């Protein structure tokens, strides 16, 4: 009998694979611990005169307890962060999702957002601003580790402290990095609330991507 060609559809993988979702939510919890405990540490020796974080926003009743929380969260953040970076590079996710970033596209996306045109119909594609924000927060996270080490062990990492211009400068840089990450979280959560399906995708895995359609020869008897 005659051979016919029928399409064969293979199911793709979730937009957000399970390992990525686990790392995302672990990071979300740990970052809250690090930020709020960091505010408790900050209040013990403020950088901006007259500026304090209220007790409601701090994790830890006083600096020693805040330090304990900060050190505990530090290890989870470091391990989870390394796993995320390795996964992003090894899987090619960073290259395919975050690059390239074109300035013209960033400007266009900002203009669209200011006009409340933030519809995100295709969850599989990040817009230029999303790409830029993710790259910035990844670099800020790495910088936080470096400045955090300088603050934590200023004697052991004296060369690193000197490179940053001194202990107090390292503290200021660490504080600035925290501000960048908090700013990212505010934007990130706001956009997730405005486009709820992005939040649901991070819980369920989202739409399937990478599905392939090929031709399969079948004999019709």
C-alpha atoms as a PDB file:
ATOM      1  CA  UNK A   1       0.000   0.000   0.000  1.00  0.00           C
ATOM      2  CA  UNK A   2       0.923   3.647  -0.322  1.00  0.00           C
ATOM      3  CA  UNK A   3       3.113   5.292   2.298  1.00  0.00           C
ATOM      4  CA  UNK A   4       1.771   8.492   3.867  1.00  0.00           C
ATOM      5  CA  UNK A   5       3.498  11.208   5.878  1.00  0.00           C
ATOM      6  CA  UNK A   6       1.967  12.145   9.185  1.00  0.00           C
ATOM      7  CA  UNK A   7       3.242  14.856  11.545  1.00  0.00           C
ATOM      8  CA  UNK A   8       4.738  13.685  14.807  1.00  0.00           C
ATOM      9  CA  UNK A   9       4.563  16.223  17.624  1.00  0.00           C
ATOM     10  CA  UNK A  10       6.945  15.813  20.535  1.00  0.00           C
ATOM     11  CA  UNK A  11       6.078  17.543  23.793  1.00  0.00           C
ATOM     12  CA  UNK A  12       8.466  20.299  24.825  1.00  0.00           C
ATOM     13  CA  UNK A  13       9.812  21.087  28.273  1.00  0.00           C
ATOM     14  CA  UNK A  14       8.175  23.568  30.667  1.00  0.00           C
ATOM     15  CA  UNK A  15       9.186  27.205  30.316  1.00  0.00           C
ATOM     16  CA  UNK A  16      10.406  27.061  33.938  1.00  0.00           C
ATOM     17  CA  UNK A  17      11.795  23.564  34.673  1.00  0.00           C
ATOM     18  CA  UNK A  18      11.372  22.184  38.188  1.00  0.00           C
ATOM     19  CA  UNK A  19      15.006  22.813  39.284  1.00  0.00           C
ATOM     20  CA  UNK A  20      14.682  26.459  38.242  1.00  0.00           C
ATOM     21  CA  UNK A  21      11.403  26.887  40.115  1.00  0.00           C
ATOM     22  CA  UNK A  22      12.880  25.390  43.278  1.00  0.00           C
ATOM     23  CA  UNK A  23      15.911  27.685  43.094  1.00  0.00           C
ATOM     24  CA  UNK A  24      13.669  30.691  42.402  1.00  0.00           C
ATOM     25  CA  UNK A  25      11.485  30.180  45.482  1.00  0.00           C
ATOM     26  CA  UNK A  26      14.405  29.262  47.732  1.00  0.00           C
ATOM     27  CA  UNK A  27      16.108  32.443  46.589  1.00  0.00           C
ATOM     28  CA  UNK A  28      12.946  34.493  47.216  1.00  0.00           C
ATOM     29  CA  UNK A  29      12.730  33.319  50.840  1.00  0.00           C
ATOM     30  CA  UNK A  30      16.458  33.608  51.530  1.00  0.00           C
ATOM     31  CA  UNK A  31      16.659  37.086  50.011  1.00  0.00           C
ATOM     32  CA  UNK A  32      13.905  38.268  52.361  1.00  0.00           C
ATOM     33  CA  UNK A  33      15.879  36.833  55.278  1.00  0.00           C
ATOM     34  CA  UNK A  34      19.102  38.482  54.106  1.00  0.00           C
ATOM     35  CA  UNK A  35      17.532  41.866  53.423  1.00  0.00           C
ATOM     36  CA  UNK A  36      15.516  42.174  56.630  1.00  0.00           C
ATOM     37  CA  UNK A  37      18.322  40.836  58.835  1.00  0.00           C
ATOM     38  CA  UNK A  38      20.700  43.195  57.042  1.00  0.00           C
ATOM     39  CA  UNK A  39      18.451  46.078  58.021  1.00  0.00           C
ATOM     40  CA  UNK A  40      18.763  44.990  61.642  1.00  0.00           C
ATOM     41  CA  UNK A  41      22.561  45.003  61.333  1.00  0.00           C
ATOM     42  CA  UNK A  42      22.479  48.380  59.609  1.00  0.00           C
ATOM     43  CA  UNK A  43      20.486  49.957  62.436  1.00  0.00           C
ATOM     44  CA  UNK A  44      23.283  49.106  64.872  1.00  0.00           C
ATOM     45  CA  UNK A  45      25.714  51.330  62.925  1.00  0.00           C
ATOM     46  CA  UNK A  46      23.872  53.454  60.378  1.00  0.00           C
ATOM     47  CA  UNK A  47      25.449  54.671  57.154  1.00  0.00           C
ATOM     48  CA  UNK A  48      22.957  57.459  56.466  1.00  0.00           C
ATOM     49  CA  UNK A  49      22.733  59.648  59.537  1.00  0.00           C
ATOM     50  CA  UNK A  50      19.217  59.768  60.938  1.00  0.00           C
ATOM     51  CA  UNK A  51      17.921  56.960  58.720  1.00  0.00           C
ATOM     52  CA  UNK A  52      16.804  53.774  60.495  1.00  0.00           C
ATOM     53  CA  UNK A  53      14.602  50.817  59.647  1.00  0.00           C
ATOM     54  CA  UNK A  54      11.638  50.337  61.967  1.00  0.00           C
ATOM     55  CA  UNK A  55      11.421  47.187  64.087  1.00  0.00           C
ATOM     56  CA  UNK A  56       8.576  45.915  61.873  1.00  0.00           C
ATOM     57  CA  UNK A  57      10.974  45.633  58.903  1.00  0.00           C
ATOM     58  CA  UNK A  58      13.899  44.065  60.755  1.00  0.00           C
ATOM     59  CA  UNK A  59      14.576  40.391  61.336  1.00  0.00           C
ATOM     60  CA  UNK A  60      16.083  40.046  64.793  1.00  0.00           C
ATOM     61  CA  UNK A  61      15.351  41.984  67.958  1.00  0.00           C
ATOM     62  CA  UNK A  62      18.866  43.391  68.052  1.00  0.00           C
ATOM     63  CA  UNK A  63      22.078  43.334  66.017  1.00  0.00           C
ATOM     64  CA  UNK A  64      23.421  40.021  67.366  1.00  0.00           C
ATOM     65  CA  UNK A  65      20.241  38.157  66.432  1.00  0.00           C
ATOM     66  CA  UNK A  66      20.143  39.879  63.054  1.00  0.00           C
ATOM     67  CA  UNK A  67      23.737  38.746  62.463  1.00  0.00           C
ATOM     68  CA  UNK A  68      22.788  35.156  63.281  1.00  0.00           C
ATOM     69  CA  UNK A  69      19.951  35.262  60.760  1.00  0.00           C
ATOM     70  CA  UNK A  70      22.221  36.924  58.193  1.00  0.00           C
ATOM     71  CA  UNK A  71      24.958  34.317  58.526  1.00  0.00           C
ATOM     72  CA  UNK A  72      22.453  31.456  58.359  1.00  0.00           C
ATOM     73  CA  UNK A  73      20.844  32.872  55.224  1.00  0.00           C
ATOM     74  CA  UNK A  74      24.244  33.597  53.706  1.00  0.00           C
ATOM     75  CA  UNK A  75      25.072  29.912  53.228  1.00  0.00           C
ATOM     76  CA  UNK A  76      21.719  29.084  51.650  1.00  0.00           C
ATOM     77  CA  UNK A  77      22.041  32.089  49.353  1.00  0.00           C
ATOM     78  CA  UNK A  78      25.597  31.192  48.324  1.00  0.00           C
ATOM     79  CA  UNK A  79      24.799  27.535  47.593  1.00  0.00           C
ATOM     80  CA  UNK A  80      21.558  28.356  45.809  1.00  0.00           C
ATOM     81  CA  UNK A  81      23.233  31.177  43.884  1.00  0.00           C
ATOM     82  CA  UNK A  82      26.082  28.989  42.660  1.00  0.00           C
ATOM     83  CA  UNK A  83      23.582  26.301  41.610  1.00  0.00           C
ATOM     84  CA  UNK A  84      21.553  28.907  39.725  1.00  0.00           C
ATOM     85  CA  UNK A  85      24.586  30.300  37.905  1.00  0.00           C
ATOM     86  CA  UNK A  86      25.841  26.839  36.950  1.00  0.00           C
ATOM     87  CA  UNK A  87      22.374  25.818  35.764  1.00  0.00           C
ATOM     88  CA  UNK A  88      21.895  29.031  33.787  1.00  0.00           C
ATOM     89  CA  UNK A  89      25.218  28.709  31.990  1.00  0.00           C
ATOM     90  CA  UNK A  90      25.207  24.918  31.483  1.00  0.00           C
ATOM     91  CA  UNK A  91      21.640  24.814  30.179  1.00  0.00           C
ATOM     92  CA  UNK A  92      22.175  27.815  27.908  1.00  0.00           C
ATOM     93  CA  UNK A  93      19.257  29.596  29.571  1.00  0.00           C
ATOM     94  CA  UNK A  94      21.218  32.800  30.218  1.00  0.00           C
ATOM     95  CA  UNK A  95      22.333  32.986  26.594  1.00  0.00           C
ATOM     96  CA  UNK A  96      18.909  32.283  25.074  1.00  0.00           C
ATOM     97  CA  UNK A  97      16.742  34.217  27.539  1.00  0.00           C
ATOM     98  CA  UNK A  98      18.875  37.211  28.505  1.00  0.00           C
ATOM     99  CA  UNK A  99      20.858  37.992  25.368  1.00  0.00           C
ATOM    100  CA  UNK A 100      21.109  40.087  23.310  1.00  0.00           C
ATOM    101  CA  UNK A 101      20.074  43.347  25.014  1.00  0.00           C
ATOM    102  CA  UNK A 102      19.601  46.176  22.500  1.00  0.00           C
ATOM    103  CA  UNK A 103      19.398  49.776  23.807  1.00  0.00           C
ATOM    104  CA  UNK A 104      16.692  50.708  21.287  1.00  0.00           C
ATOM    105  CA  UNK A 105      14.511  47.855  22.534  1.00  0.00           C
ATOM    106  CA  UNK A 106      15.062  48.911  26.149  1.00  0.00           C
ATOM    107  CA  UNK A 107      13.887  52.453  25.349  1.00  0.00           C
ATOM    108  CA  UNK A 108      10.859  51.183  23.420  1.00  0.00           C
ATOM    109  CA  UNK A 109       9.857  48.841  26.250  1.00  0.00           C
ATOM    110  CA  UNK A 110      10.178  51.624  28.836  1.00  0.00           C
ATOM    111  CA  UNK A 111       7.981  53.921  26.704  1.00  0.00           C
ATOM    112  CA  UNK A 112       5.385  51.167  26.291  1.00  0.00           C
ATOM    113  CA  UNK A 113       5.383  50.503  30.028  1.00  0.00           C
ATOM    114  CA  UNK A 114       4.936  54.199  30.841  1.00  0.00           C
ATOM    115  CA  UNK A 115       1.881  54.123  28.578  1.00  0.00           C
ATOM    116  CA  UNK A 116       0.634  51.029  30.475  1.00  0.00           C
ATOM    117  CA  UNK A 117       1.145  48.812  27.434  1.00  0.00           C
ATOM    118  CA  UNK A 118       2.650  45.972  29.449  1.00  0.00           C
ATOM    119  CA  UNK A 119       0.687  43.062  28.006  1.00  0.00           C
ATOM    120  CA  UNK A 120       2.910  40.000  28.167  1.00  0.00           C
ATOM    121  CA  UNK A 121       1.194  37.623  25.775  1.00  0.00           C
ATOM    122  CA  UNK A 122       4.209  35.414  25.107  1.00  0.00           C
ATOM    123  CA  UNK A 123       5.699  34.261  28.401  1.00  0.00           C
ATOM    124  CA  UNK A 124       8.508  32.455  26.603  1.00  0.00           C
ATOM    125  CA  UNK A 125      10.116  35.727  25.490  1.00  0.00           C
ATOM    126  CA  UNK A 126      11.578  38.314  27.880  1.00  0.00           C
ATOM    127  CA  UNK A 127      11.371  41.935  26.823  1.00  0.00           C
ATOM    128  CA  UNK A 128      14.473  44.117  26.788  1.00  0.00           C
ATOM    129  CA  UNK A 129      13.829  45.666  30.212  1.00  0.00           C
ATOM    130  CA  UNK A 130      13.305  42.237  31.787  1.00  0.00           C
ATOM    131  CA  UNK A 131      16.595  41.053  30.312  1.00  0.00           C
ATOM    132  CA  UNK A 132      18.422  44.124  31.568  1.00  0.00           C
ATOM    133  CA  UNK A 133      16.935  43.870  35.069  1.00  0.00           C
ATOM    134  CA  UNK A 134      17.830  40.186  35.375  1.00  0.00           C
ATOM    135  CA  UNK A 135      21.424  40.837  34.298  1.00  0.00           C
ATOM    136  CA  UNK A 136      21.703  43.768  36.739  1.00  0.00           C
ATOM    137  CA  UNK A 137      20.334  41.781  39.692  1.00  0.00           C
ATOM    138  CA  UNK A 138      22.603  38.811  38.942  1.00  0.00           C
ATOM    139  CA  UNK A 139      25.644  41.109  38.887  1.00  0.00           C
ATOM    140  CA  UNK A 140      24.391  42.866  42.032  1.00  0.00           C
ATOM    141  CA  UNK A 141      24.058  39.499  43.771  1.00  0.00           C
ATOM    142  CA  UNK A 142      27.640  38.588  42.888  1.00  0.00           C
ATOM    143  CA  UNK A 143      28.806  41.993  44.088  1.00  0.00           C
ATOM    144  CA  UNK A 144      26.949  41.471  47.371  1.00  0.00           C
ATOM    145  CA  UNK A 145      28.875  38.278  47.982  1.00  0.00           C
ATOM    146  CA  UNK A 146      32.199  40.030  47.332  1.00  0.00           C
ATOM    147  CA  UNK A 147      31.430  43.083  49.489  1.00  0.00           C
ATOM    148  CA  UNK A 148      29.873  40.840  52.138  1.00  0.00           C
ATOM    149  CA  UNK A 149      33.075  38.827  52.413  1.00  0.00           C
ATOM    150  CA  UNK A 150      35.062  42.051  52.829  1.00  0.00           C
ATOM    151  CA  UNK A 151      32.777  43.180  55.665  1.00  0.00           C
ATOM    152  CA  UNK A 152      32.585  39.761  57.315  1.00  0.00           C
ATOM    153  CA  UNK A 153      36.331  39.037  57.335  1.00  0.00           C
ATOM    154  CA  UNK A 154      38.119  42.392  56.885  1.00  0.00           C
ATOM    155  CA  UNK A 155      41.414  41.053  58.247  1.00  0.00           C
ATOM    156  CA  UNK A 156      41.480  37.841  56.237  1.00  0.00           C
ATOM    157  CA  UNK A 157      40.361  39.711  53.100  1.00  0.00           C
ATOM    158  CA  UNK A 158      42.350  42.857  53.790  1.00  0.00           C
ATOM    159  CA  UNK A 159      43.506  43.036  50.164  1.00  0.00           C
ATOM    160  CA  UNK A 160      39.896  42.985  48.987  1.00  0.00           C
ATOM    161  CA  UNK A 161      38.950  45.651  51.522  1.00  0.00           C
ATOM    162  CA  UNK A 162      41.842  47.831  50.348  1.00  0.00           C
ATOM    163  CA  UNK A 163      40.769  47.345  46.724  1.00  0.00           C
ATOM    164  CA  UNK A 164      37.329  48.695  47.623  1.00  0.00           C
ATOM    165  CA  UNK A 165      38.799  51.742  49.299  1.00  0.00           C
ATOM    166  CA  UNK A 166      38.439  50.686  52.917  1.00  0.00           C
ATOM    167  CA  UNK A 167      35.988  48.990  55.264  1.00  0.00           C
ATOM    168  CA  UNK A 168      33.479  51.833  55.330  1.00  0.00           C
ATOM    169  CA  UNK A 169      33.423  52.038  51.533  1.00  0.00           C
ATOM    170  CA  UNK A 170      32.786  48.304  51.401  1.00  0.00           C
ATOM    171  CA  UNK A 171      29.819  48.834  53.747  1.00  0.00           C
ATOM    172  CA  UNK A 172      28.451  51.590  51.507  1.00  0.00           C
ATOM    173  CA  UNK A 173      28.829  49.390  48.422  1.00  0.00           C
ATOM    174  CA  UNK A 174      27.084  46.539  50.237  1.00  0.00           C
ATOM    175  CA  UNK A 175      24.252  48.877  51.205  1.00  0.00           C
ATOM    176  CA  UNK A 176      23.982  50.152  47.613  1.00  0.00           C
ATOM    177  CA  UNK A 177      23.830  46.584  46.315  1.00  0.00           C
ATOM    178  CA  UNK A 178      21.021  45.853  48.756  1.00  0.00           C
ATOM    179  CA  UNK A 179      19.123  48.904  47.477  1.00  0.00           C
ATOM    180  CA  UNK A 180      19.477  47.695  43.883  1.00  0.00           C
ATOM    181  CA  UNK A 181      18.170  44.239  44.786  1.00  0.00           C
ATOM    182  CA  UNK A 182      15.248  45.683  46.768  1.00  0.00           C
ATOM    183  CA  UNK A 183      14.409  47.922  43.806  1.00  0.00           C
ATOM    184  CA  UNK A 184      14.454  44.904  41.511  1.00  0.00           C
ATOM    185  CA  UNK A 185      12.178  42.965  43.853  1.00  0.00           C
ATOM    186  CA  UNK A 186       9.683  45.833  43.989  1.00  0.00           C
ATOM    187  CA  UNK A 187       9.524  46.027  40.178  1.00  0.00           C
ATOM    188  CA  UNK A 188       9.512  42.235  39.826  1.00  0.00           C
ATOM    189  CA  UNK A 189       6.648  41.699  42.278  1.00  0.00           C
ATOM    190  CA  UNK A 190       4.661  44.626  40.849  1.00  0.00           C
ATOM    191  CA  UNK A 191       4.899  43.238  37.315  1.00  0.00           C
ATOM    192  CA  UNK A 192       3.983  39.766  38.558  1.00  0.00           C
ATOM    193  CA  UNK A 193       0.839  41.193  40.161  1.00  0.00           C
ATOM    194  CA  UNK A 194      -0.023  43.179  37.025  1.00  0.00           C
ATOM    195  CA  UNK A 195       0.511  40.117  34.817  1.00  0.00           C
ATOM    196  CA  UNK A 196      -0.581  37.229  37.106  1.00  0.00           C
ATOM    197  CA  UNK A 197       0.086  34.501  34.549  1.00  0.00           C
ATOM    198  CA  UNK A 198       3.829  35.093  34.978  1.00  0.00           C
ATOM    199  CA  UNK A 199       3.461  34.194  38.667  1.00  0.00           C
ATOM    200  CA  UNK A 200       1.357  31.139  37.854  1.00  0.00           C
ATOM    201  CA  UNK A 201       3.992  30.034  35.340  1.00  0.00           C
ATOM    202  CA  UNK A 202       6.663  30.111  38.051  1.00  0.00           C
ATOM    203  CA  UNK A 203       4.425  27.889  40.197  1.00  0.00           C
ATOM    204  CA  UNK A 204       3.273  25.411  37.550  1.00  0.00           C
ATOM    205  CA  UNK A 205       6.144  25.518  35.059  1.00  0.00           C
ATOM    206  CA  UNK A 206       4.290  27.540  32.446  1.00  0.00           C
ATOM    207  CA  UNK A 207       3.716  26.711  28.794  1.00  0.00           C
ATOM    208  CA  UNK A 208       5.689  24.059  26.999  1.00  0.00           C
ATOM    209  CA  UNK A 209       8.572  25.264  24.862  1.00  0.00           C
ATOM    210  CA  UNK A 210      10.842  23.527  22.414  1.00  0.00           C
ATOM    211  CA  UNK A 211       8.117  21.275  21.000  1.00  0.00           C
ATOM    212  CA  UNK A 212       9.176  19.807  17.690  1.00  0.00           C
ATOM    213  CA  UNK A 213       7.103  18.732  14.738  1.00  0.00           C
ATOM    214  CA  UNK A 214       8.605  16.162  12.403  1.00  0.00           C
ATOM    215  CA  UNK A 215       7.390  13.856   9.659  1.00  0.00           C
ATOM    216  CA  UNK A 216       7.025  10.175  10.349  1.00  0.00           C
ATOM    217  CA  UNK A 217       6.440   7.656   7.645  1.00  0.00           C
ATOM    218  CA  UNK A 218       3.703   5.180   8.423  1.00  0.00           C
ATOM    219  CA  UNK A 219       2.446   2.352   6.269  1.00  0.00           C
ATOM    220  CA  UNK A 220      -1.257   2.348   5.661  1.00  0.00           C
ATOM    221  CA  UNK A 221      -2.243  -1.233   5.209  1.00  0.00           C
END
